[in-house]
N, C-alpha and C. Protein backbone atom coordinates (compact mmCIF):
# COMPACT_ATOMS: atom_id res chain seq x y z
N MET A 1 4.94 12.29 4.00
CA MET A 1 4.59 12.52 2.56
C MET A 1 4.13 13.37 2.23
N PRO A 2 4.44 14.18 0.61
CA PRO A 2 3.54 15.41 0.48
C PRO A 2 2.24 14.68 -0.08
N HIS A 3 0.65 15.33 0.14
CA HIS A 3 0.07 14.66 0.16
C HIS A 3 -0.66 14.50 -1.62
N THR A 4 -0.03 15.02 -2.85
CA THR A 4 -0.10 14.34 -3.79
C THR A 4 0.71 12.83 -3.99
N TYR A 5 1.40 12.67 -3.05
CA TYR A 5 1.87 11.15 -3.26
C TYR A 5 0.46 10.39 -3.18
N GLN A 6 -0.21 10.30 -1.65
CA GLN A 6 -1.38 9.66 -1.59
C GLN A 6 -2.38 9.31 -3.23
N SER A 7 -2.04 10.37 -3.50
CA SER A 7 -3.24 10.27 -5.08
C SER A 7 -2.67 9.65 -6.50
N THR A 8 -1.78 9.65 -6.26
CA THR A 8 -0.65 9.41 -7.76
C THR A 8 -0.08 8.29 -7.48
N LYS A 9 0.38 7.70 -6.42
CA LYS A 9 1.06 6.61 -5.98
C LYS A 9 1.77 6.30 -6.60
N GLN A 10 2.84 7.14 -7.43
CA GLN A 10 3.60 6.98 -8.25
C GLN A 10 5.11 6.90 -7.83
N LEU A 11 5.93 6.41 -8.36
CA LEU A 11 7.74 6.73 -7.66
C LEU A 11 8.51 6.61 -8.50
N PHE A 12 9.37 7.59 -8.86
CA PHE A 12 10.94 7.67 -9.30
C PHE A 12 11.56 6.38 -9.01
N TYR A 13 12.16 5.57 -9.80
CA TYR A 13 12.79 4.54 -9.99
C TYR A 13 14.41 4.52 -10.46
N CYS A 14 15.21 4.61 -10.11
CA CYS A 14 16.34 4.36 -10.99
C CYS A 14 17.39 3.13 -10.65
N ILE A 15 18.08 2.82 -11.34
CA ILE A 15 19.68 1.51 -10.81
C ILE A 15 20.75 2.56 -10.94
N LEU A 16 21.84 2.66 -10.41
CA LEU A 16 22.56 3.41 -9.84
C LEU A 16 23.95 2.45 -9.97
N ARG A 17 24.95 2.64 -10.61
CA ARG A 17 26.15 1.59 -10.73
C ARG A 17 27.63 2.93 -10.52
N MET A 18 28.23 1.87 -9.02
CA MET A 18 29.31 2.77 -8.40
C MET A 18 30.16 1.53 -8.73
N PRO A 19 31.40 2.01 -8.59
CA PRO A 19 32.89 1.17 -7.87
C PRO A 19 32.85 0.47 -6.32
N LYS A 20 32.96 -0.53 -6.11
CA LYS A 20 33.04 -1.19 -5.24
C LYS A 20 33.20 0.18 -3.70
N ASP A 21 34.37 0.42 -3.84
CA ASP A 21 34.72 1.20 -3.22
C ASP A 21 34.35 2.62 -2.94
N ASP A 22 33.29 2.97 -3.43
CA ASP A 22 32.75 4.27 -3.62
C ASP A 22 31.05 3.97 -2.83
N ALA A 23 30.74 2.63 -2.79
CA ALA A 23 29.70 2.63 -2.59
C ALA A 23 29.36 3.19 -1.17
N TYR A 24 29.88 2.65 -0.40
CA TYR A 24 29.76 3.59 1.23
C TYR A 24 29.67 5.12 1.22
N PHE A 25 29.82 5.65 0.23
CA PHE A 25 29.87 6.88 0.56
C PHE A 25 28.47 7.40 -0.31
N VAL A 26 27.81 6.49 -1.45
CA VAL A 26 26.44 6.72 -1.78
C VAL A 26 25.73 6.23 -1.02
N TYR A 27 25.87 5.56 0.08
CA TYR A 27 24.78 4.59 0.87
C TYR A 27 24.82 5.69 2.30
N PHE A 28 26.34 6.26 2.57
CA PHE A 28 26.14 7.52 3.62
C PHE A 28 25.31 8.48 3.37
N THR A 29 25.37 9.25 1.71
CA THR A 29 25.03 10.28 1.18
C THR A 29 23.01 10.10 1.54
N PHE A 30 22.69 9.06 1.23
CA PHE A 30 21.27 8.38 0.98
C PHE A 30 20.96 8.31 2.07
N GLU A 31 21.76 8.21 3.41
CA GLU A 31 21.12 7.70 4.87
C GLU A 31 20.81 9.57 5.39
N SER A 32 22.22 10.12 5.19
CA SER A 32 22.32 11.55 5.60
C SER A 32 21.00 12.34 5.35
N ASN A 33 20.53 12.09 3.86
CA ASN A 33 18.72 12.67 3.30
C ASN A 33 17.79 11.86 3.86
N GLU A 34 18.21 11.60 5.73
CA GLU A 34 16.68 10.63 5.82
C GLU A 34 15.45 10.83 5.14
N GLY A 35 14.34 9.63 4.30
CA GLY A 35 13.64 9.81 4.52
C GLY A 35 13.15 10.49 2.40
N MET A 36 14.40 10.65 1.88
CA MET A 36 14.45 11.14 0.45
C MET A 36 14.16 9.78 -0.34
N CYS A 37 13.86 8.75 -0.08
CA CYS A 37 14.58 7.45 -0.79
C CYS A 37 14.75 6.59 -0.14
N PHE A 38 14.58 5.37 -0.96
CA PHE A 38 14.65 3.68 -0.48
C PHE A 38 16.03 3.35 -1.56
N TYR A 39 16.37 2.47 -0.51
CA TYR A 39 17.36 1.80 -1.63
C TYR A 39 18.01 0.65 -1.02
N SER A 40 18.14 0.05 -2.56
CA SER A 40 18.69 -1.26 -2.13
C SER A 40 19.64 -1.84 -2.92
N THR A 41 20.92 -2.53 -2.33
CA THR A 41 21.20 -3.20 -3.51
C THR A 41 21.31 -4.14 -4.02
N VAL A 42 21.10 -3.85 -4.96
CA VAL A 42 21.22 -5.74 -6.36
C VAL A 42 22.18 -6.56 -5.43
N ASP A 43 21.79 -7.44 -5.49
CA ASP A 43 22.20 -8.85 -4.60
C ASP A 43 23.55 -9.49 -5.78
N GLU A 44 22.92 -9.46 -6.90
CA GLU A 44 24.23 -9.82 -8.13
C GLU A 44 25.14 -8.94 -8.00
N SER A 45 25.12 -7.55 -7.94
CA SER A 45 26.35 -6.93 -7.98
C SER A 45 27.66 -7.37 -6.81
N LEU A 46 26.92 -7.74 -5.89
CA LEU A 46 27.77 -8.28 -4.78
C LEU A 46 29.08 -9.27 -5.29
N LYS A 47 28.85 -9.79 -6.30
CA LYS A 47 29.86 -10.33 -6.95
C LYS A 47 31.09 -10.07 -7.42
N GLY A 48 30.80 -8.62 -7.95
CA GLY A 48 32.19 -7.98 -9.13
C GLY A 48 32.80 -6.87 -8.06
N GLN A 49 33.35 -5.80 -8.80
CA GLN A 49 33.70 -4.76 -8.08
C GLN A 49 33.07 -2.97 -8.43
N TYR A 50 31.73 -3.73 -8.70
CA TYR A 50 30.76 -2.42 -8.80
C TYR A 50 30.15 -2.94 -7.64
N ARG A 51 28.93 -2.40 -7.42
CA ARG A 51 27.68 -2.43 -6.79
C ARG A 51 26.63 -1.20 -8.12
N ASP A 52 25.54 -2.12 -7.59
CA ASP A 52 24.05 -1.74 -8.13
C ASP A 52 23.19 -1.49 -6.95
N ILE A 53 22.46 -0.53 -7.25
CA ILE A 53 21.38 -0.13 -6.48
C ILE A 53 20.65 0.39 -6.52
N GLU A 54 19.44 -0.48 -6.30
CA GLU A 54 18.07 -0.04 -6.90
C GLU A 54 17.53 1.45 -5.75
N VAL A 55 17.05 2.56 -6.39
CA VAL A 55 16.51 3.49 -5.36
C VAL A 55 15.09 3.96 -5.92
N ARG A 56 14.38 4.25 -5.22
CA ARG A 56 13.03 4.42 -5.17
C ARG A 56 12.46 5.66 -4.65
N CYS A 57 11.78 6.50 -5.19
CA CYS A 57 11.47 7.96 -3.98
C CYS A 57 9.93 8.37 -4.75
N PRO A 58 9.23 9.48 -4.13
CA PRO A 58 8.01 9.38 -4.63
C PRO A 58 8.21 10.77 -5.44
N ILE A 59 7.04 10.87 -6.53
CA ILE A 59 7.37 11.46 -7.96
C ILE A 59 7.87 12.19 -7.52
N GLU A 60 6.84 13.40 -6.74
CA GLU A 60 7.72 14.50 -5.96
C GLU A 60 8.94 14.93 -6.32
N TRP A 61 9.74 14.15 -5.39
CA TRP A 61 10.70 14.17 -4.73
C TRP A 61 11.74 14.08 -6.08
N GLU A 62 11.26 13.31 -7.11
CA GLU A 62 11.99 13.21 -8.33
C GLU A 62 13.72 14.17 -8.36
N PRO A 63 12.81 15.58 -8.37
CA PRO A 63 13.65 16.50 -8.98
C PRO A 63 15.21 16.48 -8.38
N HIS A 64 14.25 16.39 -6.59
CA HIS A 64 15.41 16.38 -5.47
C HIS A 64 16.62 15.46 -5.69
N LEU A 65 15.86 14.08 -5.52
CA LEU A 65 17.09 12.69 -6.00
C LEU A 65 17.87 13.51 -7.10
N LYS A 66 17.27 13.80 -8.51
CA LYS A 66 18.09 14.06 -9.41
C LYS A 66 19.36 14.68 -9.08
N ALA A 67 18.93 15.77 -8.54
CA ALA A 67 20.00 16.69 -8.11
C ALA A 67 21.14 16.20 -7.18
N LEU A 68 20.58 15.62 -6.16
CA LEU A 68 21.83 14.89 -5.65
C LEU A 68 22.43 13.87 -5.54
N ILE A 69 21.75 13.03 -6.75
CA ILE A 69 22.94 11.96 -7.54
C ILE A 69 23.34 12.88 -8.57
N THR A 70 23.11 13.69 -9.00
CA THR A 70 24.48 14.72 -9.91
C THR A 70 25.45 15.19 -9.12
N LYS A 71 24.72 15.80 -7.82
CA LYS A 71 26.26 15.87 -7.05
C LYS A 71 26.94 14.90 -6.79
N LEU A 72 26.74 13.94 -6.71
CA LEU A 72 27.24 12.30 -6.31
C LEU A 72 27.88 12.32 -7.26
N GLN A 73 27.70 12.25 -8.72
CA GLN A 73 28.40 12.53 -10.15
C GLN A 73 29.89 13.30 -10.15
N THR A 74 29.73 13.96 -9.34
CA THR A 74 31.01 15.26 -9.44
C THR A 74 31.94 14.65 -8.35
N GLU A 75 31.65 14.00 -7.61
CA GLU A 75 32.48 13.09 -6.36
C GLU A 75 33.23 11.77 -6.50
N ILE A 76 32.50 10.88 -7.33
CA ILE A 76 32.69 9.52 -7.87
C ILE A 76 32.23 9.24 -8.96
N ARG A 77 32.81 8.40 -9.53
CA ARG A 77 32.25 7.84 -11.14
C ARG A 77 30.62 6.98 -10.56
N LEU A 78 29.71 7.28 -10.79
CA LEU A 78 28.44 6.97 -11.02
C LEU A 78 27.63 7.16 -12.06
N ASP A 79 27.31 6.01 -12.33
CA ASP A 79 26.50 5.80 -13.82
C ASP A 79 24.74 5.22 -13.61
N ILE A 80 24.09 6.00 -14.39
CA ILE A 80 22.79 5.77 -14.12
C ILE A 80 22.46 4.55 -14.72
N LEU A 81 21.85 3.28 -14.91
CA LEU A 81 21.94 2.40 -15.82
C LEU A 81 20.21 2.27 -16.38
N GLU A 82 19.73 3.23 -15.12
CA GLU A 82 18.05 3.10 -15.90
C GLU A 82 17.25 4.03 -15.11
N GLU A 83 16.39 4.48 -15.77
CA GLU A 83 15.23 5.36 -15.09
C GLU A 83 13.83 5.19 -15.50
N LYS A 84 13.07 5.31 -14.93
CA LYS A 84 11.30 5.10 -14.88
C LYS A 84 10.48 5.85 -13.72
N ILE A 85 9.68 5.63 -14.46
CA ILE A 85 7.80 6.05 -12.98
C ILE A 85 7.66 4.45 -13.01
N ILE A 86 7.11 4.37 -12.15
CA ILE A 86 6.78 3.01 -11.71
C ILE A 86 5.49 3.33 -10.85
N SER A 87 4.81 2.81 -10.62
CA SER A 87 3.35 2.57 -10.12
C SER A 87 4.13 1.98 -8.92
N ASP A 88 3.93 2.27 -7.29
CA ASP A 88 3.87 1.68 -6.19
C ASP A 88 2.51 0.81 -5.85
N SER A 89 2.55 -0.31 -6.26
CA SER A 89 1.64 -1.57 -6.20
C SER A 89 1.60 -2.37 -4.29
């Protein structure tokens, strides 16, 4: 990770929502960009026709992650439910 991550300990955090049938594409895209971010599916979304995914990355990588999300939005319906800067505790 970039040296500044060690000093700032801040993360970019967002929650993404997409149709259940498109979630595999988002997972695949994040996996193919290995090391860019950490993500997990919100358990409550497993019961619906959509998937909510919590995503975190070092603050320094925020522009890259946002660019990737923007690209995904051109391919599938993808909503950003929340985004903020959090502390890595």
